[in-house]
Protein backbone atom coordinates (compact mmCIF):
# COMPACT_ATOMS: atom_id res chain seq x y z
CA UNK A 1 -43.49 22.76 -17.82
CA UNK A 2 -41.82 20.50 -15.27
CA UNK A 3 -42.38 17.36 -17.35
CA UNK A 4 -40.71 18.95 -20.38
CA UNK A 5 -37.83 20.02 -18.16
CA UNK A 6 -37.47 16.44 -16.93
CA UNK A 7 -37.44 15.09 -20.50
CA UNK A 8 -34.85 17.67 -21.52
CA UNK A 9 -32.71 16.86 -18.50
CA UNK A 10 -32.79 13.14 -19.24
CA UNK A 11 -31.95 13.73 -22.90
CA UNK A 12 -28.91 15.81 -21.99
CA UNK A 13 -27.63 13.86 -18.96
CA UNK A 14 -28.39 10.17 -19.46
CA UNK A 15 -25.53 9.69 -21.93
CA UNK A 16 -22.82 11.50 -19.89
CA UNK A 17 -24.06 9.87 -16.66
CA UNK A 18 -23.78 6.47 -18.33
CA UNK A 19 -20.28 7.34 -19.55
CA UNK A 20 -19.15 8.54 -16.13
CA UNK A 21 -20.52 5.36 -14.58
CA UNK A 22 -18.61 3.21 -17.07
CA UNK A 23 -15.37 5.13 -16.56
CA UNK A 24 -15.75 5.14 -12.77
CA UNK A 25 -16.39 1.41 -12.74
CA UNK A 26 -13.38 0.90 -15.01
CA UNK A 27 -11.21 2.97 -12.67
CA UNK A 28 -12.12 0.85 -9.66
CA UNK A 29 -11.95 -2.43 -11.59
CA UNK A 30 -8.29 -1.71 -12.36
CA UNK A 31 -7.71 -2.55 -8.69
CA UNK A 32 -8.40 -6.19 -9.61
CA UNK A 33 -4.90 -6.18 -11.13
CA UNK A 34 -3.49 -5.35 -7.71
CA UNK A 35 -1.33 -8.06 -6.08
CA UNK A 36 -3.07 -7.25 -2.78
CA UNK A 37 -6.22 -9.34 -2.36
CA UNK A 38 -7.90 -6.80 -0.11
CA UNK A 39 -7.68 -4.14 -2.85
CA UNK A 40 -9.05 -6.59 -5.42
CA UNK A 41 -12.14 -7.23 -3.33
CA UNK A 42 -12.54 -3.53 -2.60
CA UNK A 43 -12.42 -2.60 -6.30
CA UNK A 44 -14.93 -5.29 -7.28
CA UNK A 45 -17.43 -4.48 -4.52
CA UNK A 46 -17.34 -0.72 -5.04
CA UNK A 47 -17.89 -1.26 -8.77
CA UNK A 48 -21.10 -3.13 -7.97
CA UNK A 49 -22.11 -0.26 -5.70
CA UNK A 50 -21.55 2.26 -8.50
CA UNK A 51 -23.72 0.20 -10.86
CA UNK A 52 -26.51 0.24 -8.29
CA UNK A 53 -26.09 3.99 -7.71
CA UNK A 54 -26.24 4.60 -11.49
CA UNK A 55 -29.49 2.63 -11.72
CA UNK A 56 -31.07 4.58 -8.85
CA UNK A 57 -29.98 8.03 -10.02
CA UNK A 58 -30.53 7.60 -13.78
CA UNK A 59 -33.74 5.56 -13.79
CA UNK A 60 -35.36 5.46 -10.36
CA UNK A 61 -34.87 9.15 -9.54
CA UNK A 62 -36.51 10.47 -12.78
CA UNK A 63 -39.38 8.02 -12.23
CA UNK A 64 -39.93 9.31 -8.70
CA UNK A 65 -39.80 12.95 -9.88
CA UNK A 66 -42.29 12.14 -12.65
CA UNK A 67 -44.77 10.59 -10.20
CA UNK A 68 -45.14 13.79 -8.20
CA UNK A 69 -47.00 16.87 -9.42
CA UNK A 70 -44.61 19.80 -9.13
CA UNK A 71 -45.49 23.46 -8.94
CA UNK A 72 -43.20 25.25 -11.38
CA UNK A 73 -43.61 28.45 -9.34
CA UNK A 74 -41.98 26.96 -6.26
CA UNK A 75 -39.28 29.17 -4.76
CA UNK A 76 -36.89 26.23 -4.76
CA UNK A 77 -37.25 26.06 -8.56
CA UNK A 78 -37.47 29.73 -9.51
CA UNK A 79 -34.96 31.23 -7.07
CA UNK A 80 -31.29 30.18 -7.10
CA UNK A 81 -29.79 29.29 -3.73
CA UNK A 82 -26.79 30.94 -2.14
CA UNK A 83 -24.47 28.22 -3.40
CA UNK A 84 -25.89 28.42 -6.92
CA UNK A 85 -25.26 32.17 -6.97
CA UNK A 86 -21.75 31.64 -5.60
CA UNK A 87 -20.96 29.06 -8.28
CA UNK A 88 -22.32 31.41 -10.96
CA UNK A 89 -19.94 34.11 -9.71
CA UNK A 90 -17.05 31.66 -9.79
CA UNK A 91 -17.97 30.74 -13.36
CA UNK A 92 -18.01 34.41 -14.34
CA UNK A 93 -14.51 34.82 -12.90
CA UNK A 94 -13.28 31.84 -14.93
CA UNK A 95 -14.69 33.31 -18.14
CA UNK A 96 -13.32 36.77 -17.39
CA UNK A 97 -9.84 35.71 -16.25
CA UNK A 98 -9.12 32.32 -17.90
CA UNK A 99 -5.36 32.79 -17.98
CA UNK A 100 -5.20 33.67 -14.29
CA UNK A 101 -7.35 30.69 -13.31
CA UNK A 102 -5.29 28.36 -15.46
CA UNK A 103 -2.09 29.75 -13.92
CA UNK A 104 -3.40 29.06 -10.42
CA UNK A 105 -4.23 25.49 -11.41
CA UNK A 106 -0.79 25.05 -12.97
CA UNK A 107 0.82 26.43 -9.83
CA UNK A 108 -1.01 23.84 -7.72
CA UNK A 109 0.26 21.10 -10.01
CA UNK A 110 3.82 22.40 -9.59
CA UNK A 111 3.36 22.38 -5.82
CA UNK A 112 2.23 18.76 -6.10
CA UNK A 113 5.19 17.82 -8.29
CA UNK A 114 7.60 19.33 -5.78
CA UNK A 115 6.27 17.04 -3.07
CA UNK A 116 6.21 13.75 -4.98
CA UNK A 117 9.78 12.86 -4.07
CA UNK A 118 8.92 13.30 -0.38
CA UNK A 119 6.25 10.61 -0.39
CA UNK A 120 7.29 7.76 1.91
CA UNK A 121 5.82 4.28 2.24
CA UNK A 122 5.16 2.83 5.68
CA UNK A 123 3.28 -0.42 6.26
CA UNK A 124 4.11 -0.79 9.94
CA UNK A 125 0.81 -1.60 11.64
CA UNK A 126 1.75 0.45 14.71
CA UNK A 127 1.66 3.65 12.65
CA UNK A 128 -1.99 2.98 11.77
CA UNK A 129 -3.07 3.68 15.35
CA UNK A 130 -2.72 6.81 17.46
CA UNK A 131 -0.61 6.73 20.64
CA UNK A 132 -2.85 5.85 23.55
CA UNK A 133 -4.93 3.25 21.72
CA UNK A 134 -4.82 -0.30 23.08
CA UNK A 135 -3.15 -1.84 20.02
CA UNK A 136 -0.51 0.90 19.77
CA UNK A 137 0.27 0.68 23.49
CA UNK A 138 0.55 -3.12 23.29
CA UNK A 139 3.04 -2.94 20.43
CA UNK A 140 4.99 -0.21 22.20
CA UNK A 141 5.12 -2.37 25.34
CA UNK A 142 6.48 -5.29 23.29
CA UNK A 143 9.17 -3.04 21.83
CA UNK A 144 10.17 -1.31 25.08
CA UNK A 145 9.79 -4.05 27.67
CA UNK A 146 10.03 -7.32 25.72
CA UNK A 147 11.91 -8.70 22.72
CA UNK A 148 10.16 -6.61 20.05
CA UNK A 149 7.19 -6.85 17.71
CA UNK A 150 8.84 -7.94 14.42
CA UNK A 151 11.19 -10.74 13.47
CA UNK A 152 13.61 -11.99 10.82
CA UNK A 153 14.11 -15.68 10.07
CA UNK A 154 17.11 -17.15 8.24
CA UNK A 155 16.73 -20.78 7.15
CA UNK A 156 19.95 -22.67 6.42
CA UNK A 157 20.27 -26.08 4.78
CA UNK A 158 23.59 -27.83 5.43
CA UNK A 159 25.58 -30.02 7.78
CA UNK A 160 24.79 -28.40 11.12
CA UNK A 161 27.26 -30.61 12.94
CA UNK A 162 30.06 -28.95 11.01
CA UNK A 163 31.93 -26.61 13.41
CA UNK A 164 32.80 -24.19 10.59
CA UNK A 165 29.15 -23.74 9.65
CA UNK A 166 28.14 -23.33 13.29
CA UNK A 167 30.84 -20.70 13.80
CA UNK A 168 29.66 -18.82 10.73
CA UNK A 169 26.09 -18.87 12.07
CA UNK A 170 27.33 -17.56 15.40
CA UNK A 171 29.37 -14.82 13.69
CA UNK A 172 26.40 -13.76 11.59
CA UNK A 173 24.25 -13.47 14.71
CA UNK A 174 26.87 -11.32 16.42
CA UNK A 175 27.15 -9.08 13.37
CA UNK A 176 23.38 -8.58 13.15
CA UNK A 177 23.05 -7.75 16.83
CA UNK A 178 25.98 -5.34 16.98
CA UNK A 179 25.20 -3.40 13.79
CA UNK A 180 21.55 -2.62 14.51
CA UNK A 181 20.56 -1.21 17.89
CA UNK A 182 16.90 -2.18 17.37
CA UNK A 183 17.72 -5.88 17.34
CA UNK A 184 16.98 -7.22 20.82
CA UNK A 185 17.95 -10.89 20.59
CA UNK A 186 19.17 -13.53 18.15
CA UNK A 187 19.21 -17.25 18.72
CA UNK A 188 19.94 -20.46 16.83
CA UNK A 189 21.39 -23.93 17.34
CA UNK A 190 24.79 -22.28 17.62
CA UNK A 191 23.74 -20.74 20.95
CA UNK A 192 22.75 -24.18 22.24
CA UNK A 193 26.07 -25.72 21.18
CA UNK A 194 28.00 -22.92 22.86
CA UNK A 195 26.05 -23.32 26.09
CA UNK A 196 26.42 -27.12 26.12
CA UNK A 197 30.16 -26.79 25.48
CA UNK A 198 30.54 -24.43 28.43
CA UNK A 199 28.42 -26.57 30.76
CA UNK A 200 30.33 -29.83 30.11
CA UNK A 201 33.58 -27.94 30.76
CA UNK A 202 32.60 -27.05 34.34
CA UNK A 203 30.86 -23.86 33.25
CA UNK A 204 34.17 -22.23 32.33
CA UNK A 205 33.49 -19.05 30.34
CA UNK A 206 36.49 -19.58 28.09
CA UNK A 207 34.66 -22.58 26.61
CA UNK A 208 31.63 -20.49 25.70
CA UNK A 209 32.28 -21.09 22.02
CA UNK A 210 31.84 -23.61 19.22
CA UNK A 211 34.19 -26.63 19.50
CA UNK A 212 36.78 -26.96 16.75
CA UNK A 213 36.24 -30.66 16.07
CA UNK A 214 33.18 -32.24 14.49
CA UNK A 215 33.41 -35.15 16.93
CA UNK A 216 33.11 -32.78 19.87
CA UNK A 217 29.97 -31.24 18.39
CA UNK A 218 28.53 -34.70 17.75
CA UNK A 219 29.26 -35.74 21.35
CA UNK A 220 27.43 -32.66 22.66
CA UNK A 221 24.32 -33.52 20.65
CA UNK A 222 24.54 -37.16 21.79
CA UNK A 223 24.70 -36.16 25.45
CA UNK A 224 21.81 -33.77 24.96
CA UNK A 225 19.65 -36.45 23.34
CA UNK A 226 20.35 -38.77 26.30
CA UNK A 227 19.11 -36.25 28.84
CA UNK A 228 16.30 -34.47 26.97
CA UNK A 229 13.83 -34.97 24.17
CA UNK A 230 15.14 -34.13 20.67
CA UNK A 231 11.84 -32.36 20.01
CA UNK A 232 12.93 -29.57 22.35
CA UNK A 233 15.27 -28.33 19.61
CA UNK A 234 12.64 -28.56 16.85
CA UNK A 235 12.31 -24.77 16.71
CA UNK A 236 16.04 -24.47 15.96
CA UNK A 237 16.97 -27.53 13.94
CA UNK A 238 15.39 -30.56 12.27
CA UNK A 239 15.79 -34.17 13.37
CA UNK A 240 18.55 -34.91 10.82
CA UNK A 241 20.62 -31.81 11.74
CA UNK A 242 20.44 -30.68 8.12
CA UNK A 243 18.17 -27.62 8.39
CA UNK A 244 18.59 -24.85 10.96
CA UNK A 245 16.90 -21.59 11.72
CA UNK A 246 18.33 -18.28 12.91
CA UNK A 247 15.70 -16.12 14.61
CA UNK A 248 16.20 -12.37 14.99
CA UNK A 249 13.77 -10.36 17.12
CA UNK A 250 13.63 -6.60 16.75
CA UNK A 251 11.76 -3.51 17.75
CA UNK A 252 9.59 -1.76 15.13
CA UNK A 253 11.53 -0.21 12.26
CA UNK A 254 10.68 2.44 9.70
CA UNK A 255 10.36 1.45 6.06
CA UNK A 256 13.80 2.86 5.23
CA UNK A 257 15.35 0.94 8.12
CA UNK A 258 13.65 -2.27 7.00
CA UNK A 259 15.03 -1.98 3.45
CA UNK A 260 18.57 -1.20 4.61
CA UNK A 261 18.45 -3.96 7.24
CA UNK A 262 17.33 -6.65 4.79
CA UNK A 263 19.98 -5.57 2.26
CA UNK A 264 22.67 -5.63 4.95
CA UNK A 265 21.71 -9.12 6.15
CA UNK A 266 21.51 -10.45 2.58
CA UNK A 267 24.98 -9.12 1.80
CA UNK A 268 26.46 -10.61 4.95
CA UNK A 269 24.93 -13.99 4.20
CA UNK A 270 27.00 -14.17 1.02
CA UNK A 271 30.11 -13.37 3.07
CA UNK A 272 29.55 -16.01 5.75
CA UNK A 273 28.11 -18.94 3.78
CA UNK A 274 29.27 -20.79 0.69
CA UNK A 275 27.26 -20.68 -2.50
CA UNK A 276 26.55 -24.40 -2.15
CA UNK A 277 24.39 -23.80 0.93
CA UNK A 278 20.73 -22.96 0.51
CA UNK A 279 19.89 -19.93 2.64
CA UNK A 280 16.41 -18.36 2.72
CA UNK A 281 15.52 -15.11 4.44
CA UNK A 282 11.97 -14.53 5.64
CA UNK A 283 10.04 -13.17 8.61
CA UNK A 284 7.87 -10.14 9.28
CA UNK A 285 10.67 -7.73 8.31
CA UNK A 286 10.86 -9.26 4.84
CA UNK A 287 7.05 -9.28 4.62
CA UNK A 288 7.04 -5.55 5.38
CA UNK A 289 9.61 -4.93 2.64
CA UNK A 290 7.65 -6.94 0.09
CA UNK A 291 4.41 -5.24 1.17
CA UNK A 292 5.96 -1.84 0.43
CA UNK A 293 6.94 -2.98 -3.06
CA UNK A 294 3.47 -4.40 -3.71
CA UNK A 295 1.73 -1.21 -2.57
CA UNK A 296 3.88 0.93 -4.85
CA UNK A 297 3.25 -1.43 -7.78
CA UNK A 298 -0.47 -1.56 -7.04
CA UNK A 299 -0.86 2.22 -6.87
CA UNK A 300 1.20 2.81 -10.02
CA UNK A 301 -0.63 0.18 -12.08
CA UNK A 302 -4.03 1.39 -10.87
CA UNK A 303 -3.29 5.00 -11.85
CA UNK A 304 -1.80 4.18 -15.25
CA UNK A 305 -4.51 1.72 -16.29
CA UNK A 306 -7.30 3.97 -15.00
CA UNK A 307 -6.12 7.03 -16.92
CA UNK A 308 -5.51 4.96 -20.05
CA UNK A 309 -8.94 3.30 -19.98
CA UNK A 310 -10.76 6.55 -19.20
CA UNK A 311 -8.94 8.32 -22.04
CA UNK A 312 -9.84 5.58 -24.52
CA UNK A 313 -13.50 5.39 -23.45
CA UNK A 314 -13.81 9.18 -23.51
CA UNK A 315 -12.27 9.40 -26.98
CA UNK A 316 -14.64 6.75 -28.34
CA UNK A 317 -17.69 8.33 -26.72
CA UNK A 318 -16.95 11.89 -27.85
CA UNK A 319 -15.53 10.69 -31.21
CA UNK A 320 -12.43 12.76 -30.76
CA UNK A 321 -9.09 12.01 -29.10
CA UNK A 322 -8.77 15.57 -27.80
CA UNK A 323 -11.91 15.23 -25.66
CA UNK A 324 -10.64 11.99 -24.16
CA UNK A 325 -7.33 13.67 -23.38
CA UNK A 326 -9.04 16.67 -21.79
CA UNK A 327 -11.12 14.32 -19.62
CA UNK A 328 -8.01 12.90 -17.93
CA UNK A 329 -6.06 16.17 -17.57
CA UNK A 330 -7.92 17.25 -14.38
CA UNK A 331 -7.58 13.71 -13.00
CA UNK A 332 -3.85 13.68 -13.60
CA UNK A 333 -3.49 17.07 -11.92
CA UNK A 334 -5.58 15.89 -8.96
CA UNK A 335 -3.46 12.75 -8.51
CA UNK A 336 -0.25 14.77 -8.65
CA UNK A 337 -1.58 17.25 -6.12
CA UNK A 338 -2.86 14.48 -3.85
CA UNK A 339 0.44 12.62 -3.61
CA UNK A 340 2.39 15.89 -3.56
CA UNK A 341 0.45 17.10 -0.51
CA UNK A 342 1.01 13.69 1.09
CA UNK A 343 4.72 14.30 0.67
CA UNK A 344 4.59 17.87 2.00
CA UNK A 345 2.54 16.90 5.08
CA UNK A 346 4.36 13.61 5.80
CA UNK A 347 1.30 11.43 5.12
CA UNK A 348 2.71 7.99 4.42
CA UNK A 349 1.57 5.69 1.62
CA UNK A 350 0.18 2.46 3.08
CA UNK A 351 -2.59 -0.10 2.58
CA UNK A 352 -5.27 2.51 3.30
CA UNK A 353 -3.95 5.63 1.56
CA UNK A 354 -3.13 3.54 -1.53
CA UNK A 355 -6.87 3.40 -2.18
CA UNK A 356 -7.01 7.21 -2.49
CA UNK A 357 -5.71 7.28 -6.07
CA UNK A 358 -8.55 5.07 -7.32
CA UNK A 359 -11.11 7.03 -5.32
CA UNK A 360 -9.87 10.31 -6.80
CA UNK A 361 -10.07 8.91 -10.32
CA UNK A 362 -13.44 7.26 -9.76
CA UNK A 363 -15.02 10.37 -8.29
CA UNK A 364 -13.20 13.08 -10.25
CA UNK A 365 -13.83 11.69 -13.73
CA UNK A 366 -17.49 12.74 -13.53
CA UNK A 367 -16.78 16.47 -13.58
CA UNK A 368 -14.74 16.65 -16.77
CA UNK A 369 -17.08 14.34 -18.71
CA UNK A 370 -20.21 16.27 -17.69
CA UNK A 371 -18.59 19.58 -18.61
CA UNK A 372 -17.35 18.34 -21.99
CA UNK A 373 -20.71 16.77 -22.78
CA UNK A 374 -22.61 19.97 -21.97
CA UNK A 375 -20.07 22.05 -23.92
CA UNK A 376 -20.57 19.87 -27.01
CA UNK A 377 -24.36 20.02 -26.61
CA UNK A 378 -24.53 23.81 -26.33
CA UNK A 379 -21.89 24.31 -29.03
CA UNK A 380 -24.30 22.79 -31.51
CA UNK A 381 -27.22 25.04 -30.48
CA UNK A 382 -25.63 28.30 -29.29
CA UNK A 383 -23.78 30.71 -31.56
């Protein structure tokens, strides 16, 4: 009767359901190793949700079914639905043509492998929004009509009254602006010194440069301090003239442009400044570069640890390494196909799509474990 069917169902499914819950939770908990705090919180919270879903489906649902008196002659019980018949046909095809089905699956994996090298990483916030949305239009307006939406900051510690250092700062600014057409403006204390030098020389353009003598530079700062507050230069230099800041404003760049731009600036810094100077490079452009690296590391670690943990748990549960290996084969193929299709269809890897790998593992592990568990169960009872 229905009660016996319920008991039989619980006997056959409680163990694999518990295993799939454990492996799914483990897959999402691997996100706690991510260097991105948002992914850590996401992995922890969704693991709690899975625990609650396991409790409801494995314990509450059978209890609810057991409370109701079911008619075993109901059409919903005795007659298979359209989808059940379709799945039965698909199963018959698998059993009749196993080599063909396996070949199709292998072909899909090859398609995925061919697209892996095309996967690009893009963490530019503007790409998260469609053209026409308020945020996207605002960032586009900043890029097209103003000084840009991203910046680069170069912090220099040294004697900023030294004409040689000021000239090197000015040369670096000119190099940055002329070698990248997306750079809109650069400014530093060198620009102020050039302007003051020109103004005190009757606004003659030929004096729009850094003076050659340290005393001349010191006189310019002294005259400026007599006519204005020193705090007005606080965004460019400190009170002791020992720490200065170069600010570079730019339009939005792609991930590849960001990497090449940061490398170019870093190389030029070594050419313009002595090793004794302390020079730090930061700003939103550097943040974007580091974010790309963190996303790649987070996705890679999550996939590797998830597959490893699921394989170990599956091997221990089924008491055989082969079963644990078979449980992660479909997951590995699904991950390859997922990222391969992302490469083929130009779907970039970012904060949001990085979560997909853990979702695929967390959801897809159920299928293989249920199938292996049922296969083992029937193998012991069916000839």
